[in-house]
Amino acid sequence: MKKILLILGILSAYAGMAEAFETKAENAILVDYDTGAYIFAKNHDVQLPPASMSKLMTIYIIFDKLQKGELSLDDEFLTSENAWRKGGAASGGSTMFLNIGEKVKIDDLIRGIIIQSGNDACIVAAENIAGSEEDFAKLMNETAEKIGLKNSIFANSTGLPDENQRMSAEDLAILAHRLISQFPEYYHIFKEKEFTHNGIKQGNRNPLLYSMEGADGLKTGHTEEAGFCLTASAERGGRRLIEVLAGLSSNQERSEESENLMSYGFREFDNYQLLQKGEVVASASVWYGVENAVDLEVSQSIVETLKRNTQKGYTYKVVYDEPLTAPVYKGQVAGYVALTSPDGKEKKINLVAAKDVARIGLVQKFWKNLKYYVGIK
C-alpha cells in the first residue's frame, strides 16, 4: 500500500530566478557553483561571438591532456611562422611575443594564454597538439559535445573573429565550472596577475582580480563584434559564483557591470540546506521481519540557492510503500521525497531503509500468520 505524507513550510526563505537586477550586458548569466542555480540570466542561451573567452576551451584541452599524462609541463612546443604572423607581434593583437622558431614550455604557454591572452600561444598549442589549427578546432568541437556544450562551435583556437566561432553565456559558465572542478591543480594560474616572457611583462586583464575579494579567474574577451566580455568566478565564505557577461561597450563598463552582478549574487542570495542526507522522515512497517518497522531516511542532502529575507514556503511530500517484506537491506529504496518550491518546481530524492531488517524463521512466521488470521495483535 502506498503511503503519502505532506509536510508544509520546511523553509521560509525562497526565490526563483531574480528579475530585479539589471545589467547593460547584452548576454549575462550568474550561476551558483555548488547548486547550479541560475541566479540571473539574460539571453544566456543565445549564441554570441566569444572573442578571447573561447581560449578557455583551448586551455581545457591542454589541462585535460596534462591530467591524462599525454603532455607534461616541461614539454616544449615549436613556434611556427604561421603562429607568429597570425598571433604574434606582427599581428597587432593580444600576444605572448613568441619568436619564429622559438621553443616554449607548456608551463609558460599556459600563462601566455591565460594571463597575456596570447593568440600566438593558442596557435602554437593548436599546431603542436593537433597538427594544424583547423584540426585543433575539430578537437574543440568534439570536446564541446562531450562535456555538454549545446550552443558552441569553434573555428579557431584564439577567438579571433570568425562567423563560425560562437558560444553562449551558458556554455561558457559550464566550461568555467569544468575548469574549476576538474583541474584544481592548475586552476590557481587564473588568479596570477602578471607574467613575463621574452622580457615583456603583461598583466592579467581580468578586472575583478584587482577589485573584488575572492575573485580568482577566469578570462576576458574583446573584439569589435563581441564588445567587452568576461567569464569570471569568485569565492567567499566557502561559496563560489560564476558569471559571464558579453556585449559591453567599454573596459570600464565591463569592470563595473561584472562587479555589480557578482556582488548582487553574494549579497542577495545564499545556499540553504533543505534536506540532510540520513535525515529520518518516515517509518515503514515490515512484514515477516525480526523488527516490525524500519526508519526511512533521505538518500542525499539537498541544498538550494535562495533569496534572502523573503517569506514563502517550500513543501515536501513523502511517498513510500508499506508494508515492506523482509529481508530489508540498509540503503534499499522504499520511496521518495518530492520537494516542491513555491513556483511549482519539483525535485525527487530517494527514500531508503536506514538499516537491515532480517527475515524471521519459519516457526515465527507460522505464529505471526496465525495471529494475523485470528486477529491477535
Protein backbone atom coordinates (compact mmCIF):
# COMPACT_ATOMS: atom_id res chain seq x y z
CA MET A 1 0.00 0.00 0.00
CA LYS A 2 1.36 3.43 -0.95
CA LYS A 3 1.53 5.94 1.88
CA ILE A 4 1.81 9.71 1.37
CA LEU A 5 2.77 12.31 3.96
CA LEU A 6 2.53 16.02 3.12
CA ILE A 7 4.69 18.40 5.15
CA LEU A 8 4.36 22.17 4.74
CA GLY A 9 6.68 25.12 5.13
CA ILE A 10 10.05 23.49 5.71
CA LEU A 11 11.89 26.72 4.93
CA SER A 12 10.78 30.32 4.83
CA ALA A 13 13.42 31.85 2.54
CA TYR A 14 12.77 31.39 -1.16
CA ALA A 15 13.45 32.99 -4.51
CA GLY A 16 13.31 31.79 -8.06
CA MET A 17 15.44 33.43 -10.72
CA ALA A 18 15.65 37.07 -9.73
CA GLU A 19 14.17 39.71 -12.01
CA ALA A 20 15.06 42.84 -10.03
CA PHE A 21 18.67 43.09 -11.19
CA GLU A 22 19.51 44.79 -14.48
CA THR A 23 22.72 44.83 -16.49
CA LYS A 24 23.96 46.67 -19.55
CA ALA A 25 25.42 43.44 -20.91
CA GLU A 26 23.72 42.00 -23.98
CA ASN A 27 24.21 38.49 -22.61
CA ALA A 28 24.72 37.50 -18.99
CA ILE A 29 24.44 34.66 -16.54
CA LEU A 30 25.23 34.25 -12.84
CA VAL A 31 25.39 30.68 -11.54
CA ASP A 32 25.93 29.21 -8.09
CA TYR A 33 28.84 26.77 -8.42
CA ASP A 34 27.56 24.19 -5.89
CA THR A 35 23.84 24.09 -6.65
CA GLY A 36 23.90 25.03 -10.33
CA ALA A 37 21.11 27.56 -9.69
CA TYR A 38 20.75 30.38 -12.20
CA ILE A 39 20.64 33.47 -10.01
CA PHE A 40 20.44 35.78 -13.02
CA ALA A 41 20.15 35.14 -16.75
CA LYS A 42 19.75 37.38 -19.78
CA ASN A 43 19.96 35.95 -23.31
CA HIS A 44 22.06 33.24 -21.68
CA ASP A 45 21.46 30.55 -24.29
CA VAL A 46 21.92 32.78 -27.36
CA GLN A 47 24.99 32.16 -29.49
CA LEU A 48 27.45 35.06 -29.38
CA PRO A 49 30.97 35.81 -30.62
CA PRO A 50 33.03 34.79 -27.58
CA ALA A 51 36.27 36.58 -28.53
CA SER A 52 39.14 35.51 -26.27
CA MET A 53 36.80 33.78 -23.82
CA SER A 54 36.91 30.87 -26.28
CA LYS A 55 40.55 30.43 -25.21
CA LEU A 56 39.04 28.66 -22.19
CA MET A 57 38.35 25.68 -24.44
CA THR A 58 41.95 25.70 -25.67
CA ILE A 59 43.10 25.71 -22.04
CA TYR A 60 40.60 22.97 -21.16
CA ILE A 61 42.10 20.66 -23.78
CA ILE A 62 45.65 21.39 -22.59
CA PHE A 63 44.71 20.75 -18.95
CA ASP A 64 42.92 17.54 -19.90
CA LYS A 65 45.97 16.21 -21.75
CA LEU A 66 48.23 17.17 -18.84
CA GLN A 67 45.97 15.37 -16.38
CA LYS A 68 45.89 12.25 -18.56
CA GLY A 69 49.68 12.25 -18.85
CA GLU A 70 49.64 12.87 -22.60
CA LEU A 71 51.57 16.12 -22.03
CA SER A 72 53.82 17.44 -19.28
CA LEU A 73 54.50 20.99 -18.16
CA ASP A 74 58.14 20.66 -19.23
CA ASP A 75 57.29 19.61 -22.80
CA GLU A 76 58.32 22.20 -25.39
CA PHE A 77 56.27 23.33 -28.39
CA LEU A 78 57.78 24.93 -31.51
CA THR A 79 56.60 28.36 -32.68
CA SER A 80 55.78 28.39 -36.40
CA GLU A 81 55.87 31.37 -38.75
CA ASN A 82 52.10 30.99 -39.10
CA ALA A 83 51.61 31.35 -35.33
CA TRP A 84 53.87 34.43 -35.32
CA ARG A 85 52.12 36.11 -38.25
CA LYS A 86 48.56 35.40 -37.12
CA GLY A 87 49.04 35.86 -33.38
CA GLY A 88 52.49 37.25 -32.67
CA ALA A 89 53.96 40.74 -32.58
CA ALA A 90 53.33 41.12 -36.32
CA SER A 91 49.56 40.72 -35.85
CA GLY A 92 48.90 43.75 -33.67
CA GLY A 93 46.60 41.71 -31.41
CA SER A 94 46.98 40.13 -27.99
CA THR A 95 50.28 38.28 -27.99
CA MET A 96 52.79 36.42 -25.84
CA PHE A 97 55.55 37.85 -28.06
CA LEU A 98 56.85 34.47 -29.18
CA ASN A 99 59.52 34.43 -31.90
CA ILE A 100 59.60 32.31 -35.03
CA GLY A 101 61.35 29.02 -34.25
CA GLU A 102 61.19 29.56 -30.50
CA LYS A 103 60.65 26.52 -28.31
CA VAL A 104 58.35 27.29 -25.40
CA LYS A 105 57.49 25.13 -22.41
CA ILE A 106 53.83 24.24 -21.93
CA ASP A 107 54.07 25.67 -18.40
CA ASP A 108 54.89 29.08 -19.90
CA LEU A 109 52.46 28.65 -22.79
CA ILE A 110 49.56 28.18 -20.36
CA ARG A 111 50.36 31.51 -18.69
CA GLY A 112 50.78 33.12 -22.08
CA ILE A 113 47.22 32.09 -22.90
CA ILE A 114 45.54 32.76 -19.54
CA ILE A 115 47.35 35.88 -18.33
CA GLN A 116 48.58 37.51 -21.55
CA SER A 117 45.73 36.23 -23.78
CA GLY A 118 48.33 35.42 -26.41
CA ASN A 119 46.86 34.47 -29.77
CA ASP A 120 50.29 33.20 -30.80
CA ALA A 121 50.36 30.94 -27.72
CA CYS A 122 47.00 29.42 -28.67
CA ILE A 123 48.05 28.76 -32.26
CA VAL A 124 51.31 27.17 -31.12
CA ALA A 125 49.35 24.88 -28.79
CA ALA A 126 46.86 24.02 -31.54
CA GLU A 127 49.51 23.21 -34.15
CA ASN A 128 51.65 21.12 -31.82
CA ILE A 129 48.71 19.17 -30.34
CA ALA A 130 46.65 18.56 -33.48
CA GLY A 131 48.97 19.34 -36.40
CA SER A 132 47.04 22.41 -37.51
CA GLU A 133 44.66 24.96 -36.06
CA GLU A 134 41.90 23.61 -38.30
CA ASP A 135 42.27 20.11 -36.86
CA PHE A 136 42.51 21.55 -33.35
CA ALA A 137 39.18 23.31 -33.93
CA LYS A 138 37.67 19.90 -34.73
CA LEU A 139 39.02 18.64 -31.40
CA MET A 140 37.47 21.67 -29.69
CA ASN A 141 34.08 20.85 -31.23
CA GLU A 142 34.34 17.19 -30.24
CA THR A 143 35.24 18.20 -26.69
CA ALA A 144 32.39 20.71 -26.53
CA GLU A 145 29.89 18.00 -27.45
CA LYS A 146 31.44 15.58 -24.97
CA ILE A 147 31.14 17.95 -21.99
CA GLY A 148 27.63 19.10 -22.83
CA LEU A 149 28.05 22.49 -24.50
CA LYS A 150 24.90 22.88 -26.62
CA ASN A 151 25.42 26.26 -28.27
CA SER A 152 29.13 26.29 -29.08
CA ILE A 153 31.00 25.91 -32.34
CA PHE A 154 34.71 26.56 -32.91
CA ALA A 155 36.70 27.51 -35.98
CA ASN A 156 39.95 28.55 -34.29
CA SER A 157 41.85 28.29 -31.02
CA THR A 158 42.06 32.02 -30.31
CA GLY A 159 38.63 33.60 -30.55
CA LEU A 160 39.74 35.86 -33.39
CA PRO A 161 36.71 37.00 -35.43
CA ASP A 162 35.09 34.22 -37.44
CA GLU A 163 31.40 33.80 -38.22
CA ASN A 164 31.72 30.12 -37.33
CA GLN A 165 33.11 30.82 -33.85
CA ARG A 166 30.18 31.02 -31.42
CA MET A 167 29.41 30.19 -27.78
CA SER A 168 26.60 31.05 -25.38
CA ALA A 169 27.00 32.62 -21.95
CA GLU A 170 25.50 29.44 -20.51
CA ASP A 171 28.10 27.25 -22.25
CA LEU A 172 30.90 29.48 -21.01
CA ALA A 173 29.61 29.10 -17.44
CA ILE A 174 29.53 25.31 -17.87
CA LEU A 175 33.07 25.35 -19.24
CA ALA A 176 34.25 27.54 -16.36
CA HIS A 177 32.71 25.11 -13.87
CA ARG A 178 34.54 22.25 -15.57
CA LEU A 179 37.88 24.05 -15.40
CA ILE A 180 37.44 24.74 -11.69
CA SER A 181 36.14 21.31 -10.68
CA GLN A 182 38.25 19.05 -12.91
CA PHE A 183 41.62 20.77 -12.70
CA PRO A 184 42.23 22.11 -9.18
CA GLU A 185 45.95 21.50 -9.65
CA TYR A 186 46.05 24.08 -12.46
CA TYR A 187 43.15 26.43 -11.75
CA HIS A 188 45.24 28.67 -9.47
CA ILE A 189 47.01 30.03 -12.56
CA PHE A 190 43.89 32.01 -13.45
CA LYS A 191 44.38 34.35 -10.48
CA GLU A 192 48.00 35.19 -11.24
CA LYS A 193 48.11 38.89 -12.03
CA GLU A 194 51.16 39.11 -14.29
CA PHE A 195 53.53 37.09 -16.41
CA THR A 196 56.81 37.95 -18.14
CA HIS A 197 58.05 36.26 -21.30
CA ASN A 198 60.93 37.31 -23.52
CA GLY A 199 61.48 40.22 -21.15
CA ILE A 200 57.97 41.63 -21.67
CA LYS A 201 55.73 41.78 -18.61
CA GLN A 202 51.98 41.82 -19.10
CA GLY A 203 49.16 41.99 -16.58
CA ASN A 204 46.07 39.83 -16.28
CA ARG A 205 43.14 41.67 -17.90
CA ASN A 206 40.51 40.28 -15.51
CA PRO A 207 39.29 43.41 -13.65
CA LEU A 208 37.82 41.52 -10.70
CA LEU A 209 41.24 40.25 -9.65
CA TYR A 210 42.08 43.81 -8.64
CA SER A 211 38.77 44.95 -7.19
CA MET A 212 36.84 42.05 -5.67
CA GLU A 213 37.53 39.90 -2.64
CA GLY A 214 37.76 36.22 -3.55
CA ALA A 215 37.96 36.70 -7.33
CA ASP A 216 40.26 34.06 -8.86
CA GLY A 217 39.50 33.67 -12.60
CA LEU A 218 38.82 33.23 -15.48
CA LYS A 219 39.10 35.10 -18.87
CA THR A 220 38.31 38.37 -20.59
CA GLY A 221 37.49 38.90 -24.25
CA HIS A 222 37.15 41.78 -26.66
CA THR A 223 36.55 42.28 -30.35
CA GLU A 224 34.54 44.92 -32.18
CA GLU A 225 31.75 42.42 -32.85
CA ALA A 226 31.72 40.86 -29.36
CA GLY A 227 32.22 44.02 -27.34
CA PHE A 228 33.89 43.74 -23.96
CA CYS A 229 33.30 40.35 -22.32
CA LEU A 230 34.22 38.44 -19.18
CA THR A 231 33.89 34.96 -17.75
CA ALA A 232 34.68 35.22 -14.03
CA SER A 233 34.49 33.38 -10.73
CA ALA A 234 34.82 34.38 -7.10
CA GLU A 235 34.59 32.55 -3.78
CA ARG A 236 33.53 33.93 -0.40
CA GLY A 237 32.93 32.03 2.79
CA GLY A 238 33.06 28.69 1.04
CA ARG A 239 30.50 29.74 -1.58
CA ARG A 240 31.51 30.20 -5.23
CA LEU A 241 29.72 32.03 -8.04
CA ILE A 242 30.43 32.01 -11.78
CA GLU A 243 29.36 34.83 -14.08
CA VAL A 244 29.55 35.53 -17.81
CA LEU A 245 28.89 38.92 -19.39
CA ALA A 246 29.18 39.89 -23.07
CA GLY A 247 28.39 42.82 -25.35
CA LEU A 248 29.55 45.65 -23.09
CA SER A 249 30.72 48.94 -24.56
CA SER A 250 33.99 49.61 -22.73
CA ASN A 251 36.59 48.21 -20.39
CA GLN A 252 35.21 50.40 -17.60
CA GLU A 253 31.66 49.18 -18.22
CA ARG A 254 32.90 45.59 -18.13
CA SER A 255 34.60 46.24 -14.78
CA GLU A 256 31.54 47.91 -13.25
CA GLU A 257 28.91 45.50 -14.55
CA SER A 258 30.87 42.38 -13.64
CA GLU A 259 31.46 43.60 -10.09
CA ASN A 260 27.82 44.68 -9.71
CA LEU A 261 26.47 41.30 -10.85
CA MET A 262 28.84 39.26 -8.73
CA SER A 263 28.22 41.43 -5.65
CA TYR A 264 24.47 41.08 -6.17
CA GLY A 265 24.74 37.30 -6.10
CA PHE A 266 26.75 37.22 -2.88
CA ARG A 267 24.65 39.92 -1.19
CA GLU A 268 21.11 38.88 -2.07
CA PHE A 269 21.36 35.08 -2.16
CA ASP A 270 22.68 32.26 -0.05
CA ASN A 271 22.63 28.45 0.00
CA TYR A 272 20.22 26.69 2.35
CA GLN A 273 20.10 23.01 3.23
CA LEU A 274 16.51 21.82 2.81
CA LEU A 275 17.11 18.13 3.45
CA GLN A 276 20.09 16.41 5.02
CA LYS A 277 21.41 13.02 3.98
CA GLY A 278 20.45 10.46 6.66
CA GLU A 279 17.54 12.56 7.97
CA VAL A 280 14.68 10.25 9.04
CA VAL A 281 11.35 11.43 7.63
CA ALA A 282 9.14 8.33 7.97
CA SER A 283 8.88 4.80 9.35
CA ALA A 284 7.56 1.87 7.32
CA SER A 285 6.07 -1.31 8.74
CA VAL A 286 7.92 -4.54 7.88
CA TRP A 287 6.18 -7.86 7.21
CA TYR A 288 7.98 -11.03 8.33
CA GLY A 289 10.80 -9.02 9.85
CA VAL A 290 12.58 -9.50 13.18
CA GLU A 291 11.53 -5.89 13.75
CA ASN A 292 8.07 -4.58 12.95
CA ALA A 293 9.23 -1.31 11.37
CA VAL A 294 12.24 0.39 9.82
CA ASP A 295 13.13 4.08 9.63
CA LEU A 296 13.25 5.63 6.17
CA GLU A 297 15.91 8.28 5.58
CA VAL A 298 16.79 10.77 2.85
CA SER A 299 19.45 9.37 0.49
CA GLN A 300 21.19 12.67 -0.25
CA SER A 301 21.42 16.21 1.03
CA ILE A 302 19.54 18.90 -0.87
CA VAL A 303 20.97 22.41 -0.91
CA GLU A 304 19.21 25.20 -2.80
CA THR A 305 20.25 28.74 -3.68
CA LEU A 306 17.58 31.04 -2.28
CA LYS A 307 17.00 34.76 -1.98
CA ARG A 308 17.46 36.14 1.49
CA ASN A 309 14.69 37.60 3.65
CA THR A 310 11.59 36.59 1.74
CA GLN A 311 8.65 34.72 3.26
CA LYS A 312 7.43 31.95 1.02
CA GLY A 313 7.47 28.28 1.92
CA TYR A 314 8.72 25.04 0.42
CA THR A 315 6.76 21.82 0.95
CA TYR A 316 7.78 18.23 0.70
CA LYS A 317 5.78 15.09 0.15
CA VAL A 318 6.95 11.70 1.42
CA VAL A 319 5.78 8.76 -0.69
CA TYR A 320 6.59 5.14 0.15
CA ASP A 321 5.18 1.62 0.05
CA GLU A 322 4.32 -0.35 3.17
CA PRO A 323 4.49 -2.91 4.50
CA LEU A 324 7.96 -3.80 3.27
CA THR A 325 8.69 -7.51 3.12
CA ALA A 326 11.75 -8.75 4.99
CA PRO A 327 14.60 -9.09 4.46
CA VAL A 328 15.11 -5.35 4.15
CA TYR A 329 18.60 -4.06 3.44
CA LYS A 330 20.19 -0.80 4.53
CA GLY A 331 20.06 1.64 1.59
CA GLN A 332 17.18 -0.22 -0.09
CA VAL A 333 14.96 2.25 -1.97
CA ALA A 334 11.50 2.33 -0.43
CA GLY A 335 10.03 5.51 -1.85
CA TYR A 336 10.90 9.13 -2.44
CA VAL A 337 10.64 12.66 -1.11
CA ALA A 338 9.15 15.18 -3.54
CA LEU A 339 10.44 18.67 -2.73
CA THR A 340 8.30 21.43 -4.26
CA SER A 341 9.20 25.11 -4.46
CA PRO A 342 6.52 27.83 -4.36
CA ASP A 343 6.75 28.22 -8.14
CA GLY A 344 5.78 24.56 -8.59
CA LYS A 345 9.16 23.05 -9.49
CA GLU A 346 9.52 19.56 -8.06
CA LYS A 347 12.66 17.60 -7.22
CA LYS A 348 12.53 13.93 -6.17
CA ILE A 349 15.03 12.31 -3.79
CA ASN A 350 15.14 8.60 -2.97
CA LEU A 351 13.95 7.44 0.44
CA VAL A 352 15.93 4.46 1.71
CA ALA A 353 15.91 2.00 4.61
CA ALA A 354 18.10 3.18 7.47
CA LYS A 355 19.23 -0.33 8.47
CA ASP A 356 18.96 -4.04 7.75
CA VAL A 357 15.91 -5.95 8.99
CA ALA A 358 16.34 -9.73 8.83
CA ARG A 359 13.53 -12.14 7.97
CA ILE A 360 12.00 -14.21 10.78
CA GLY A 361 12.31 -18.01 10.83
CA LEU A 362 9.61 -20.50 9.75
CA VAL A 363 8.21 -21.07 13.26
CA GLN A 364 7.96 -17.36 13.96
CA LYS A 365 6.38 -16.88 10.54
CA PHE A 366 3.74 -19.54 11.36
CA TRP A 367 2.74 -17.89 14.65
CA LYS A 368 2.72 -14.45 13.03
CA ASN A 369 0.37 -15.66 10.27
CA LEU A 370 -1.84 -17.38 12.82
CA LYS A 371 -2.10 -14.24 14.91
CA TYR A 372 -2.91 -12.24 11.79
CA TYR A 373 -5.74 -14.53 10.70
CA VAL A 374 -7.32 -14.80 14.13
CA GLY A 375 -6.98 -11.08 14.73
CA ILE A 376 -4.46 -11.16 17.56
CA LYS A 377 -2.11 -8.18 17.64
